[in-house]
Amino acid sequence: MKIALMDSGNGLLAAAAAVHRLRPDADLVLSSDPGSMPWGPRTPEDVTERALGCARAAAAHRPDALIIACNTASVRALAAIRAELEPGIPVIGTVPAIKPAAAGGGPVAIWATPSTTGSPYQRGLIRDFAAGVEVTEVACPGLADAVQWADEAAVDAAIASAADRTPRDIRALVLGCTHYELVAERIRAAVQPLAGTPLVLHGSAGAVAAHALRRIGAVPAPDAQPTGRLTVLLGGREGVLDAASLSYPEGRALTSVGAGRP
């Protein structure tokens, strides 16, 4: 079994780690293009072109499924990637976890990139899945870039700024960018003191990983032998996880991929 994941940068680490937890015997292909980050400010056409490039590089390794582990790419390029790769390779997009967050009642806050915040896409999800629930959209400028390069000071500053603009009475916080899941506990630490009740964070990595397995007719087998191999593609060329990626637990967890094979 081989699962590919693509993102602009290391936002794919959370979903990749989730796949590895569910199926440690699965080969993983991680395709990104960090040199072109950030994708958010780019035109839809440019995002689609770059996302297709990452998808094609991953598809060349003949995976059983491709996860678009990027909210921006899912918004802009999911249809184009599916049109090119399906039905040969099932393509799974990433959707902010607004539905489960709203199911617990409000108020809810959604942290996302400036380009996603207030977008018709996100507003449509709120309309469809959070009708009657108080939802606040919070733009987080610079947070994804800070996470990408593991810039501790910039991460702290971006989180503090977003926390200051987050209502104090929220019960749930949706992480609307895959990069944010890598600093989820730092986000919790910044927002929880402001909230009146225990805060629930909603990411997408676990759900996306489970959905990818379902699409290919596989089931979770967390006790399987860790026989999977890891392939890292950077701008279409084979590389390795960089120091910034390895600074996160999700990145370090992936260093064991392939360790079970001779």
Protein backbone atom coordinates (compact mmCIF):
# COMPACT_ATOMS: atom_id res chain seq x y z
CA MET A 1 0.00 0.00 0.00
CA LYS A 2 1.28 3.44 -0.91
CA ILE A 3 -0.27 6.75 0.13
CA ALA A 4 0.92 10.06 -1.32
CA LEU A 5 0.36 13.44 0.29
CA MET A 6 0.94 16.89 -1.16
CA ASP A 7 1.07 20.40 0.24
CA SER A 8 2.87 23.63 -0.41
CA GLY A 9 5.21 22.78 2.47
CA ASN A 10 5.33 20.84 5.71
CA GLY A 11 1.62 21.23 6.46
CA LEU A 12 1.32 17.66 5.18
CA LEU A 13 3.23 16.29 8.18
CA ALA A 14 0.19 15.99 10.45
CA ALA A 15 -1.82 13.96 7.94
CA ALA A 16 1.24 11.86 7.03
CA ALA A 17 1.84 11.06 10.69
CA ALA A 18 -1.84 10.14 11.04
CA VAL A 19 -1.61 7.75 8.08
CA HIS A 20 1.53 6.23 9.58
CA ARG A 21 -0.20 5.68 12.92
CA LEU A 22 -3.12 3.93 11.21
CA ARG A 23 -0.99 1.91 8.78
CA PRO A 24 2.70 1.72 9.72
CA ASP A 25 3.10 -0.76 6.88
CA ALA A 26 2.11 1.82 4.24
CA ASP A 27 4.68 3.47 1.97
CA LEU A 28 4.43 7.27 2.10
CA VAL A 29 5.24 9.78 -0.62
CA LEU A 30 5.43 13.40 0.55
CA SER A 31 5.34 15.92 -2.31
CA SER A 32 5.74 19.64 -1.61
CA ASP A 33 7.23 22.79 -3.09
CA PRO A 34 8.34 24.94 -0.13
CA GLY A 35 10.30 27.24 -2.41
CA SER A 36 7.03 28.56 -3.81
CA MET A 37 5.40 29.29 -0.45
CA PRO A 38 3.12 30.91 0.49
CA TRP A 39 0.38 29.81 -1.88
CA GLY A 40 -2.40 31.80 -0.25
CA PRO A 41 -1.61 35.18 -1.88
CA ARG A 42 -1.15 33.62 -5.33
CA THR A 43 -3.83 33.71 -8.00
CA PRO A 44 -6.15 30.70 -8.26
CA GLU A 45 -4.54 29.82 -11.58
CA ASP A 46 -1.05 29.93 -10.08
CA VAL A 47 -2.07 27.81 -7.09
CA THR A 48 -3.66 25.27 -9.42
CA GLU A 49 -0.52 25.06 -11.57
CA ARG A 50 1.75 24.57 -8.57
CA ALA A 51 -0.58 22.08 -6.93
CA LEU A 52 -0.78 20.10 -10.15
CA GLY A 53 3.00 20.03 -10.25
CA CYS A 54 3.15 18.50 -6.76
CA ALA A 55 0.35 16.08 -7.62
CA ARG A 56 2.03 14.93 -10.83
CA ALA A 57 5.34 14.38 -9.04
CA ALA A 58 3.54 12.22 -6.47
CA ALA A 59 1.51 10.38 -9.12
CA ALA A 60 4.73 9.34 -10.88
CA HIS A 61 5.39 7.10 -7.86
CA ARG A 62 2.10 5.28 -8.53
CA PRO A 63 0.38 5.66 -5.16
CA ASP A 64 -2.91 3.99 -4.33
CA ALA A 65 -4.32 7.36 -3.22
CA LEU A 66 -3.32 11.01 -3.06
CA ILE A 67 -4.20 13.27 -0.13
CA ILE A 68 -4.22 17.01 -0.81
CA ALA A 69 -3.09 17.93 2.69
CA CYS A 70 -3.53 21.65 2.08
CA ASN A 71 -6.64 23.76 2.51
CA THR A 72 -5.63 26.32 -0.11
CA ALA A 73 -4.85 23.65 -2.71
CA SER A 74 -8.10 21.85 -1.90
CA VAL A 75 -10.04 25.07 -2.47
CA ARG A 76 -8.27 26.06 -5.67
CA ALA A 77 -7.07 22.88 -7.33
CA LEU A 78 -9.03 19.84 -6.12
CA ALA A 79 -11.25 19.70 -9.21
CA ALA A 80 -8.29 20.05 -11.60
CA ILE A 81 -6.26 17.37 -9.83
CA ARG A 82 -9.20 14.96 -9.75
CA ALA A 83 -9.88 15.58 -13.43
CA GLU A 84 -6.30 14.60 -14.27
CA LEU A 85 -5.70 11.69 -11.90
CA GLU A 86 -9.01 10.01 -11.19
CA PRO A 87 -10.23 7.33 -11.47
CA GLY A 88 -6.76 5.83 -11.60
CA ILE A 89 -5.68 7.48 -8.34
CA PRO A 90 -8.33 8.47 -5.78
CA VAL A 91 -7.79 12.08 -4.66
CA ILE A 92 -8.82 13.17 -1.18
CA GLY A 93 -9.12 16.89 -0.36
CA THR A 94 -8.87 18.58 3.03
CA VAL A 95 -11.88 20.40 4.46
CA PRO A 96 -11.76 22.45 7.69
CA ALA A 97 -13.48 20.54 10.51
CA ILE A 98 -16.34 23.01 10.77
CA LYS A 99 -19.06 20.34 10.83
CA PRO A 100 -17.84 18.45 13.94
CA ALA A 101 -16.97 21.71 15.68
CA ALA A 102 -20.45 23.10 15.12
CA ALA A 103 -22.07 19.81 16.18
CA GLY A 104 -20.86 20.49 19.71
CA GLY A 105 -22.60 23.84 19.78
CA GLY A 106 -21.06 27.28 19.73
CA PRO A 107 -19.51 29.65 19.91
CA VAL A 108 -16.87 28.46 17.42
CA ALA A 109 -13.81 30.22 16.01
CA ILE A 110 -12.06 29.29 12.77
CA TRP A 111 -8.40 30.16 12.41
CA ALA A 112 -7.32 30.23 8.77
CA THR A 113 -5.03 32.02 6.34
CA PRO A 114 -6.09 35.51 5.23
CA SER A 115 -7.01 34.20 1.76
CA THR A 116 -9.30 31.51 3.18
CA THR A 117 -10.86 33.65 5.89
CA GLY A 118 -14.08 35.19 4.59
CA SER A 119 -13.78 33.31 1.28
CA PRO A 120 -16.92 32.02 -0.44
CA TYR A 121 -15.59 28.51 0.16
CA GLN A 122 -15.32 28.89 3.92
CA ARG A 123 -18.55 30.88 4.16
CA GLY A 124 -20.27 28.06 2.28
CA LEU A 125 -19.04 25.50 4.80
CA ILE A 126 -20.28 27.67 7.64
CA ARG A 127 -23.65 28.03 5.96
CA ASP A 128 -23.96 24.31 5.26
CA PHE A 129 -22.63 22.90 8.53
CA ALA A 130 -22.88 25.60 11.19
CA ALA A 131 -26.29 27.18 10.60
CA GLY A 132 -27.56 28.65 13.85
CA VAL A 133 -24.13 28.44 15.52
CA GLU A 134 -22.14 31.55 16.39
CA VAL A 135 -18.96 31.40 14.28
CA THR A 136 -16.08 33.87 14.22
CA GLU A 137 -13.55 33.76 11.40
CA VAL A 138 -10.04 34.74 12.51
CA ALA A 139 -7.34 35.47 9.93
CA CYS A 140 -3.84 34.41 10.97
CA PRO A 141 -1.37 36.32 8.77
CA GLY A 142 2.14 34.89 8.81
CA LEU A 143 1.36 31.84 10.95
CA ALA A 144 1.68 29.22 8.20
CA ASP A 145 5.01 30.67 7.04
CA ALA A 146 6.31 30.82 10.62
CA VAL A 147 5.35 27.16 11.14
CA GLN A 148 6.95 26.17 7.82
CA TRP A 149 10.33 27.49 8.87
CA ALA A 150 9.93 26.70 12.60
CA ASP A 151 10.47 30.37 13.43
CA GLU A 152 9.61 30.25 17.13
CA ALA A 153 9.34 33.99 17.69
CA ALA A 154 7.19 34.49 14.60
CA VAL A 155 4.94 31.56 15.57
CA ASP A 156 4.42 33.04 19.04
CA ALA A 157 3.69 36.50 17.64
CA ALA A 158 1.19 35.23 15.05
CA ILE A 159 -0.60 33.04 17.59
CA ALA A 160 -0.77 35.88 20.12
CA SER A 161 -2.22 38.22 17.52
CA ALA A 162 -4.89 35.71 16.48
CA ALA A 163 -5.69 34.90 20.11
CA ASP A 164 -6.27 38.58 20.82
CA ARG A 165 -8.88 38.63 18.03
CA THR A 166 -10.61 35.44 19.16
CA PRO A 167 -13.77 35.77 21.29
CA ARG A 168 -13.28 34.73 24.90
CA ASP A 169 -16.41 32.60 25.08
CA ILE A 170 -15.62 30.07 22.33
CA ARG A 171 -16.05 26.36 23.04
CA ALA A 172 -14.33 25.04 19.91
CA LEU A 173 -11.53 26.20 17.64
CA VAL A 174 -11.18 24.94 14.06
CA LEU A 175 -7.64 24.79 12.68
CA GLY A 176 -8.39 25.81 9.10
CA CYS A 177 -4.84 25.40 7.77
CA THR A 178 -2.92 22.15 7.93
CA HIS A 179 0.22 23.93 9.11
CA TYR A 180 -1.57 25.03 12.27
CA GLU A 181 -1.96 21.45 13.46
CA LEU A 182 1.81 21.29 14.00
CA VAL A 183 1.50 23.95 16.72
CA ALA A 184 -1.92 22.95 18.03
CA GLU A 185 -0.89 22.79 21.68
CA ARG A 186 0.74 26.21 21.50
CA ILE A 187 -2.49 27.54 20.06
CA ARG A 188 -4.44 25.88 22.87
CA ALA A 189 -2.13 27.39 25.48
CA ALA A 190 -2.72 30.86 24.03
CA VAL A 191 -6.50 30.61 23.66
CA GLN A 192 -7.57 28.41 26.59
CA PRO A 193 -6.89 31.04 29.28
CA LEU A 194 -9.29 33.34 27.42
CA ALA A 195 -12.05 30.75 27.12
CA GLY A 196 -14.60 30.18 29.84
CA THR A 197 -14.94 26.42 29.21
CA PRO A 198 -12.47 23.66 28.22
CA LEU A 199 -11.47 24.34 24.63
CA VAL A 200 -11.83 21.67 21.92
CA LEU A 201 -9.47 21.93 18.95
CA HIS A 202 -10.61 20.49 15.62
CA GLY A 203 -8.02 19.57 13.01
CA SER A 204 -8.45 17.52 9.85
CA ALA A 205 -5.45 15.17 9.78
CA GLY A 206 -7.03 12.16 11.45
CA ALA A 207 -10.25 12.31 9.46
CA VAL A 208 -8.42 12.77 6.15
CA ALA A 209 -6.11 9.83 6.86
CA ALA A 210 -9.04 7.57 7.74
CA HIS A 211 -10.97 8.68 4.64
CA ALA A 212 -8.01 7.90 2.40
CA LEU A 213 -7.91 4.34 3.71
CA ARG A 214 -11.64 3.93 3.13
CA ARG A 215 -11.31 5.17 -0.44
CA ILE A 216 -8.91 2.34 -1.27
CA GLY A 217 -10.79 -0.30 0.70
CA ALA A 218 -8.21 -0.54 3.48
CA VAL A 219 -8.80 -0.62 7.21
CA PRO A 220 -6.71 0.74 10.08
CA ALA A 221 -4.06 -1.68 11.34
CA PRO A 222 -2.00 0.30 13.85
CA ASP A 223 -0.27 -2.86 15.08
CA ALA A 224 1.03 -3.78 11.64
CA GLN A 225 4.77 -4.14 11.23
CA PRO A 226 6.41 -0.79 10.35
CA THR A 227 7.53 -1.90 6.92
CA GLY A 228 6.55 1.22 4.96
CA ARG A 229 9.07 3.35 3.10
CA LEU A 230 9.26 7.13 2.97
CA THR A 231 9.89 9.15 -0.19
CA VAL A 232 10.24 12.94 0.09
CA LEU A 233 9.79 15.07 -3.02
CA LEU A 234 10.76 18.74 -2.96
CA GLY A 235 9.77 20.57 -6.10
CA GLY A 236 9.51 17.19 -7.83
CA ARG A 237 12.99 16.01 -6.85
CA GLU A 238 13.80 13.46 -4.19
CA GLY A 239 15.07 14.95 -0.97
CA VAL A 240 14.84 14.57 2.79
CA LEU A 241 12.82 16.12 5.59
CA ASP A 242 14.47 19.38 6.56
CA ALA A 243 15.45 20.53 10.04
CA ALA A 244 12.30 22.62 10.41
CA SER A 245 10.09 19.61 9.69
CA LEU A 246 12.06 17.47 12.11
CA SER A 247 11.53 20.04 14.86
CA TYR A 248 7.91 18.85 15.11
CA PRO A 249 6.86 15.52 16.66
CA GLU A 250 4.93 14.66 13.49
CA GLY A 251 8.06 15.06 11.40
CA ARG A 252 10.21 13.06 13.80
CA ALA A 253 7.61 10.27 13.82
CA LEU A 254 8.13 9.85 10.10
CA THR A 255 11.85 9.18 10.50
CA SER A 256 10.89 5.67 11.59
CA VAL A 257 9.14 4.99 8.27
CA GLY A 258 11.23 2.39 6.52
CA ALA A 259 13.07 1.42 9.70
CA GLY A 260 11.30 -1.92 9.72
CA ARG A 261 12.71 -2.98 6.36
CA PRO A 262 16.21 -4.30 5.74
